[in-house]
C-alpha atoms as a PDB file:
ATOM      1  CA  UNK A   1     194.715  65.037 -57.762  1.00  0.00           C
ATOM      2  CA  UNK A   2     191.606  66.895 -56.999  1.00  0.00           C
ATOM      3  CA  UNK A   3     193.211  70.038 -58.266  1.00  0.00           C
ATOM      4  CA  UNK A   4     194.199  68.267 -61.452  1.00  0.00           C
ATOM      5  CA  UNK A   5     190.684  66.985 -61.983  1.00  0.00           C
ATOM      6  CA  UNK A   6     189.253  70.382 -61.342  1.00  0.00           C
ATOM      7  CA  UNK A   7     191.614  71.943 -63.821  1.00  0.00           C
ATOM      8  CA  UNK A   8     190.890  69.212 -66.333  1.00  0.00           C
ATOM      9  CA  UNK A   9     187.076  69.561 -65.928  1.00  0.00           C
ATOM     10  CA  UNK A  10     187.435  73.321 -66.086  1.00  0.00           C
ATOM     11  CA  UNK A  11     189.543  73.162 -69.271  1.00  0.00           C
ATOM     12  CA  UNK A  12     187.231  70.576 -70.871  1.00  0.00           C
ATOM     13  CA  UNK A  13     184.178  72.683 -69.932  1.00  0.00           C
ATOM     14  CA  UNK A  14     185.848  75.784 -71.256  1.00  0.00           C
ATOM     15  CA  UNK A  15     186.835  74.038 -74.470  1.00  0.00           C
ATOM     16  CA  UNK A  16     183.364  72.627 -74.872  1.00  0.00           C
ATOM     17  CA  UNK A  17     181.790  76.104 -74.334  1.00  0.00           C
ATOM     18  CA  UNK A  18     184.244  77.611 -76.853  1.00  0.00           C
ATOM     19  CA  UNK A  19     183.587  74.845 -79.367  1.00  0.00           C
ATOM     20  CA  UNK A  20     179.820  75.173 -78.827  1.00  0.00           C
ATOM     21  CA  UNK A  21     180.034  79.003 -79.323  1.00  0.00           C
ATOM     22  CA  UNK A  22     182.203  78.595 -82.453  1.00  0.00           C
ATOM     23  CA  UNK A  23     179.829  75.941 -83.879  1.00  0.00           C
ATOM     24  CA  UNK A  24     176.763  78.114 -83.092  1.00  0.00           C
ATOM     25  CA  UNK A  25     178.434  81.127 -84.633  1.00  0.00           C
ATOM     26  CA  UNK A  26     179.449  79.161 -87.743  1.00  0.00           C
ATOM     27  CA  UNK A  27     175.913  77.822 -88.194  1.00  0.00           C
ATOM     28  CA  UNK A  28     174.413  81.273 -87.617  1.00  0.00           C
ATOM     29  CA  UNK A  29     176.824  83.046 -89.962  1.00  0.00           C
ATOM     30  CA  UNK A  30     176.474  80.313 -92.530  1.00  0.00           C
ATOM     31  CA  UNK A  31     172.686  80.749 -92.603  1.00  0.00           C
ATOM     32  CA  UNK A  32     173.064  84.586 -92.691  1.00  0.00           C
ATOM     33  CA  UNK A  33     175.509  84.311 -95.574  1.00  0.00           C
ATOM     34  CA  UNK A  34     173.139  81.951 -97.417  1.00  0.00           C
ATOM     35  CA  UNK A  35     170.243  84.350 -96.773  1.00  0.00           C
ATOM     36  CA  UNK A  36     172.252  87.349 -97.964  1.00  0.00           C
ATOM     37  CA  UNK A  37     173.536  85.597-101.032  1.00  0.00           C
ATOM     38  CA  UNK A  38     169.915  84.661-101.941  1.00  0.00           C
ATOM     39  CA  UNK A  39     168.955  88.296-101.523  1.00  0.00           C
ATOM     40  CA  UNK A  40     171.906  89.349-103.620  1.00  0.00           C
ATOM     41  CA  UNK A  41     170.845  86.890-106.364  1.00  0.00           C
ATOM     42  CA  UNK A  42     167.222  88.216-106.175  1.00  0.00           C
ATOM     43  CA  UNK A  43     168.391  91.805-106.284  1.00  0.00           C
ATOM     44  CA  UNK A  44     170.654  91.088-109.228  1.00  0.00           C
ATOM     45  CA  UNK A  45     167.764  89.415-111.085  1.00  0.00           C
ATOM     46  CA  UNK A  46     165.577  92.431-110.393  1.00  0.00           C
ATOM     47  CA  UNK A  47     168.291  94.773-111.544  1.00  0.00           C
ATOM     48  CA  UNK A  48     168.556  92.833-114.839  1.00  0.00           C
ATOM     49  CA  UNK A  49     164.808  93.038-115.291  1.00  0.00           C
ATOM     50  CA  UNK A  50     164.777  96.759-114.588  1.00  0.00           C
ATOM     51  CA  UNK A  51     167.674  97.278-116.952  1.00  0.00           C
ATOM     52  CA  UNK A  52     165.780  95.391-119.703  1.00  0.00           C
ATOM     53  CA  UNK A  53     162.639  97.470-118.949  1.00  0.00           C
ATOM     54  CA  UNK A  54     164.729 100.647-119.226  1.00  0.00           C
ATOM     55  CA  UNK A  55     166.219  99.473-122.497  1.00  0.00           C
ATOM     56  CA  UNK A  56     162.699  98.761-123.780  1.00  0.00           C
ATOM     57  CA  UNK A  57     161.545 102.161-122.583  1.00  0.00           C
ATOM     58  CA  UNK A  58     164.487 103.874-124.265  1.00  0.00           C
ATOM     59  CA  UNK A  59     163.652 101.976-127.483  1.00  0.00           C
ATOM     60  CA  UNK A  60     159.994 103.060-127.308  1.00  0.00           C
ATOM     61  CA  UNK A  61     161.081 106.622-126.641  1.00  0.00           C
ATOM     62  CA  UNK A  62     163.304 106.557-129.728  1.00  0.00           C
ATOM     63  CA  UNK A  63     160.459 105.077-131.782  1.00  0.00           C
ATOM     64  CA  UNK A  64     158.158 107.824-130.510  1.00  0.00           C
ATOM     65  CA  UNK A  65     160.662 110.518-131.356  1.00  0.00           C
ATOM     66  CA  UNK A  66     161.212 109.046-134.772  1.00  0.00           C
ATOM     67  CA  UNK A  67     157.680 108.124-135.841  1.00  0.00           C
ATOM     68  CA  UNK A  68     154.842 109.136-133.539  1.00  0.00           C
ATOM     69  CA  UNK A  69     156.020 112.708-133.120  1.00  0.00           C
ATOM     70  CA  UNK A  70     155.687 113.275-136.879  1.00  0.00           C
ATOM     71  CA  UNK A  71     152.109 111.933-136.829  1.00  0.00           C
ATOM     72  CA  UNK A  72     151.305 114.091-133.825  1.00  0.00           C
ATOM     73  CA  UNK A  73     152.791 117.150-135.536  1.00  0.00           C
ATOM     74  CA  UNK A  74     150.702 116.349-138.649  1.00  0.00           C
ATOM     75  CA  UNK A  75     147.608 115.998-136.455  1.00  0.00           C
ATOM     76  CA  UNK A  76     148.313 119.323-134.816  1.00  0.00           C
ATOM     77  CA  UNK A  77     148.560 120.918-138.301  1.00  0.00           C
ATOM     78  CA  UNK A  78     145.027 119.551-139.004  1.00  0.00           C
ATOM     79  CA  UNK A  79     143.654 120.407-135.564  1.00  0.00           C
ATOM     80  CA  UNK A  80     144.161 124.187-134.910  1.00  0.00           C
ATOM     81  CA  UNK A  81     144.063 125.899-131.607  1.00  0.00           C
ATOM     82  CA  UNK A  82     140.690 127.467-130.746  1.00  0.00           C
ATOM     83  CA  UNK A  83     141.823 131.049-131.347  1.00  0.00           C
ATOM     84  CA  UNK A  84     143.370 129.965-134.715  1.00  0.00           C
ATOM     85  CA  UNK A  85     139.998 128.494-135.693  1.00  0.00           C
ATOM     86  CA  UNK A  86     138.239 131.773-135.284  1.00  0.00           C
ATOM     87  CA  UNK A  87     141.160 133.780-136.842  1.00  0.00           C
ATOM     88  CA  UNK A  88     140.872 131.477-139.845  1.00  0.00           C
ATOM     89  CA  UNK A  89     137.175 132.231-139.861  1.00  0.00           C
ATOM     90  CA  UNK A  90     135.520 128.890-140.357  1.00  0.00           C
ATOM     91  CA  UNK A  91     132.501 130.533-141.906  1.00  0.00           C
ATOM     92  CA  UNK A  92     134.478 131.969-144.793  1.00  0.00           C
ATOM     93  CA  UNK A  93     136.222 128.614-145.406  1.00  0.00           C
ATOM     94  CA  UNK A  94     132.834 126.842-145.690  1.00  0.00           C
ATOM     95  CA  UNK A  95     131.481 129.676-147.846  1.00  0.00           C
ATOM     96  CA  UNK A  96     134.461 129.365-150.157  1.00  0.00           C
ATOM     97  CA  UNK A  97     133.775 125.590-150.589  1.00  0.00           C
ATOM     98  CA  UNK A  98     130.079 126.330-151.243  1.00  0.00           C
ATOM     99  CA  UNK A  99     130.974 128.956-153.864  1.00  0.00           C
ATOM    100  CA  UNK A 100     133.391 126.585-155.524  1.00  0.00           C
ATOM    101  CA  UNK A 101     130.698 123.898-155.801  1.00  0.00           C
ATOM    102  CA  UNK A 102     128.029 126.393-156.953  1.00  0.00           C
ATOM    103  CA  UNK A 103     125.706 126.194-153.898  1.00  0.00           C
ATOM    104  CA  UNK A 104     123.735 128.762-151.883  1.00  0.00           C
ATOM    105  CA  UNK A 105     124.926 128.604-148.341  1.00  0.00           C
ATOM    106  CA  UNK A 106     124.090 129.535-144.759  1.00  0.00           C
ATOM    107  CA  UNK A 107     126.203 128.609-141.684  1.00  0.00           C
ATOM    108  CA  UNK A 108     125.512 128.702-137.972  1.00  0.00           C
ATOM    109  CA  UNK A 109     127.386 127.514-134.903  1.00  0.00           C
ATOM    110  CA  UNK A 110     125.202 125.238-132.742  1.00  0.00           C
ATOM    111  CA  UNK A 111     127.420 124.888-129.703  1.00  0.00           C
ATOM    112  CA  UNK A 112     130.922 124.187-128.404  1.00  0.00           C
ATOM    113  CA  UNK A 113     132.478 121.265-126.592  1.00  0.00           C
ATOM    114  CA  UNK A 114     135.462 122.396-124.596  1.00  0.00           C
ATOM    115  CA  UNK A 115     138.615 120.283-124.652  1.00  0.00           C
ATOM    116  CA  UNK A 116     139.154 118.108-121.563  1.00  0.00           C
ATOM    117  CA  UNK A 117     142.141 115.994-120.594  1.00  0.00           C
ATOM    118  CA  UNK A 118     143.378 114.293-123.729  1.00  0.00           C
ATOM    119  CA  UNK A 119     140.188 114.984-125.760  1.00  0.00           C
ATOM    120  CA  UNK A 120     139.983 117.641-128.400  1.00  0.00           C
ATOM    121  CA  UNK A 121     137.386 120.368-128.196  1.00  0.00           C
ATOM    122  CA  UNK A 122     134.966 120.922-131.003  1.00  0.00           C
ATOM    123  CA  UNK A 123     132.627 123.478-132.483  1.00  0.00           C
ATOM    124  CA  UNK A 124     129.351 122.017-133.721  1.00  0.00           C
ATOM    125  CA  UNK A 125     127.890 123.638-136.759  1.00  0.00           C
ATOM    126  CA  UNK A 126     124.908 123.511-139.034  1.00  0.00           C
ATOM    127  CA  UNK A 127     125.165 124.193-142.754  1.00  0.00           C
ATOM    128  CA  UNK A 128     122.182 124.666-145.099  1.00  0.00           C
ATOM    129  CA  UNK A 129     123.064 124.266-148.790  1.00  0.00           C
ATOM    130  CA  UNK A 130     120.826 124.797-151.780  1.00  0.00           C
ATOM    131  CA  UNK A 131     121.698 123.694-155.289  1.00  0.00           C
ATOM    132  CA  UNK A 132     121.746 120.678-157.565  1.00  0.00           C
ATOM    133  CA  UNK A 133     122.317 117.283-155.933  1.00  0.00           C
ATOM    134  CA  UNK A 134     125.549 116.692-157.832  1.00  0.00           C
ATOM    135  CA  UNK A 135     126.998 119.881-156.395  1.00  0.00           C
ATOM    136  CA  UNK A 136     125.846 118.924-152.937  1.00  0.00           C
ATOM    137  CA  UNK A 137     127.723 115.659-153.271  1.00  0.00           C
ATOM    138  CA  UNK A 138     130.822 117.549-154.497  1.00  0.00           C
ATOM    139  CA  UNK A 139     130.532 119.778-151.420  1.00  0.00           C
ATOM    140  CA  UNK A 140     130.374 116.728-149.096  1.00  0.00           C
ATOM    141  CA  UNK A 141     133.511 115.281-150.822  1.00  0.00           C
ATOM    142  CA  UNK A 142     135.234 118.610-150.341  1.00  0.00           C
ATOM    143  CA  UNK A 143     134.366 118.694-146.643  1.00  0.00           C
ATOM    144  CA  UNK A 144     135.722 115.176-146.343  1.00  0.00           C
ATOM    145  CA  UNK A 145     139.060 116.592-147.656  1.00  0.00           C
ATOM    146  CA  UNK A 146     138.764 119.798-145.680  1.00  0.00           C
ATOM    147  CA  UNK A 147     142.031 121.077-144.198  1.00  0.00           C
ATOM    148  CA  UNK A 148     140.734 120.845-140.688  1.00  0.00           C
ATOM    149  CA  UNK A 149     139.680 117.750-138.790  1.00  0.00           C
ATOM    150  CA  UNK A 150     135.910 117.764-139.509  1.00  0.00           C
ATOM    151  CA  UNK A 151     133.269 115.217-138.734  1.00  0.00           C
ATOM    152  CA  UNK A 152     129.873 115.067-140.361  1.00  0.00           C
ATOM    153  CA  UNK A 153     127.403 113.888-137.766  1.00  0.00           C
ATOM    154  CA  UNK A 154     124.318 113.745-139.935  1.00  0.00           C
ATOM    155  CA  UNK A 155     122.549 115.368-142.878  1.00  0.00           C
ATOM    156  CA  UNK A 156     119.134 115.637-144.366  1.00  0.00           C
ATOM    157  CA  UNK A 157     118.539 116.014-148.076  1.00  0.00           C
ATOM    158  CA  UNK A 158     115.211 117.399-149.336  1.00  0.00           C
ATOM    159  CA  UNK A 159     114.700 117.402-153.090  1.00  0.00           C
ATOM    160  CA  UNK A 160     112.765 120.486-154.014  1.00  0.00           C
ATOM    161  CA  UNK A 161     112.507 119.754-157.721  1.00  0.00           C
ATOM    162  CA  UNK A 162     114.487 118.041-160.431  1.00  0.00           C
ATOM    163  CA  UNK A 163     117.292 120.574-160.488  1.00  0.00           C
ATOM    164  CA  UNK A 164     117.303 121.748-156.912  1.00  0.00           C
ATOM    165  CA  UNK A 165     117.895 120.119-153.583  1.00  0.00           C
ATOM    166  CA  UNK A 166     118.458 121.391-150.060  1.00  0.00           C
ATOM    167  CA  UNK A 167     120.815 119.752-147.588  1.00  0.00           C
ATOM    168  CA  UNK A 168     120.986 120.466-143.925  1.00  0.00           C
ATOM    169  CA  UNK A 169     124.416 119.197-142.753  1.00  0.00           C
ATOM    170  CA  UNK A 170     125.358 118.898-139.088  1.00  0.00           C
ATOM    171  CA  UNK A 171     128.933 118.366-138.051  1.00  0.00           C
ATOM    172  CA  UNK A 172     131.847 119.535-135.922  1.00  0.00           C
ATOM    173  CA  UNK A 173     135.306 120.918-136.393  1.00  0.00           C
ATOM    174  CA  UNK A 174     137.866 119.968-133.777  1.00  0.00           C
ATOM    175  CA  UNK A 175     140.375 122.182-132.042  1.00  0.00           C
ATOM    176  CA  UNK A 176     142.961 121.715-129.366  1.00  0.00           C
END
């Protein structure tokens, strides 16, 4: 009987150890599966967000190609390269405007601001114009519609007599 009891205790102990190991394994693998399924859900959510972001980026790229690129090309037509600006001869263009508006003219380059990063470069200039005030105003309007991107930074008008005024105009022409 002792042998029977020993075998029974051994078999019960073995069964208990096996059942405990299976229960522990089931609990461990159940938690691991739950953790991995949560990670899978999170990864899927992130994949959907990234997919949406990529769709938005593609849409923005299409919009850029369709619209913004035309505006950028138009801006590049108005803003010449530096060497094109001197080939064009800025002085002659201003002189032509002054002649068209009936003004005496002198032109000088003050300094240059080199382009940096995304900023355009510019050439600062000083124009001295003499003539009647109405023609001076016509010249300013013509500069406003000049074919290059031009900014007038300031001007001084001195009336010499009823029919004659002098304007000193300071501004800059931009280049890329």
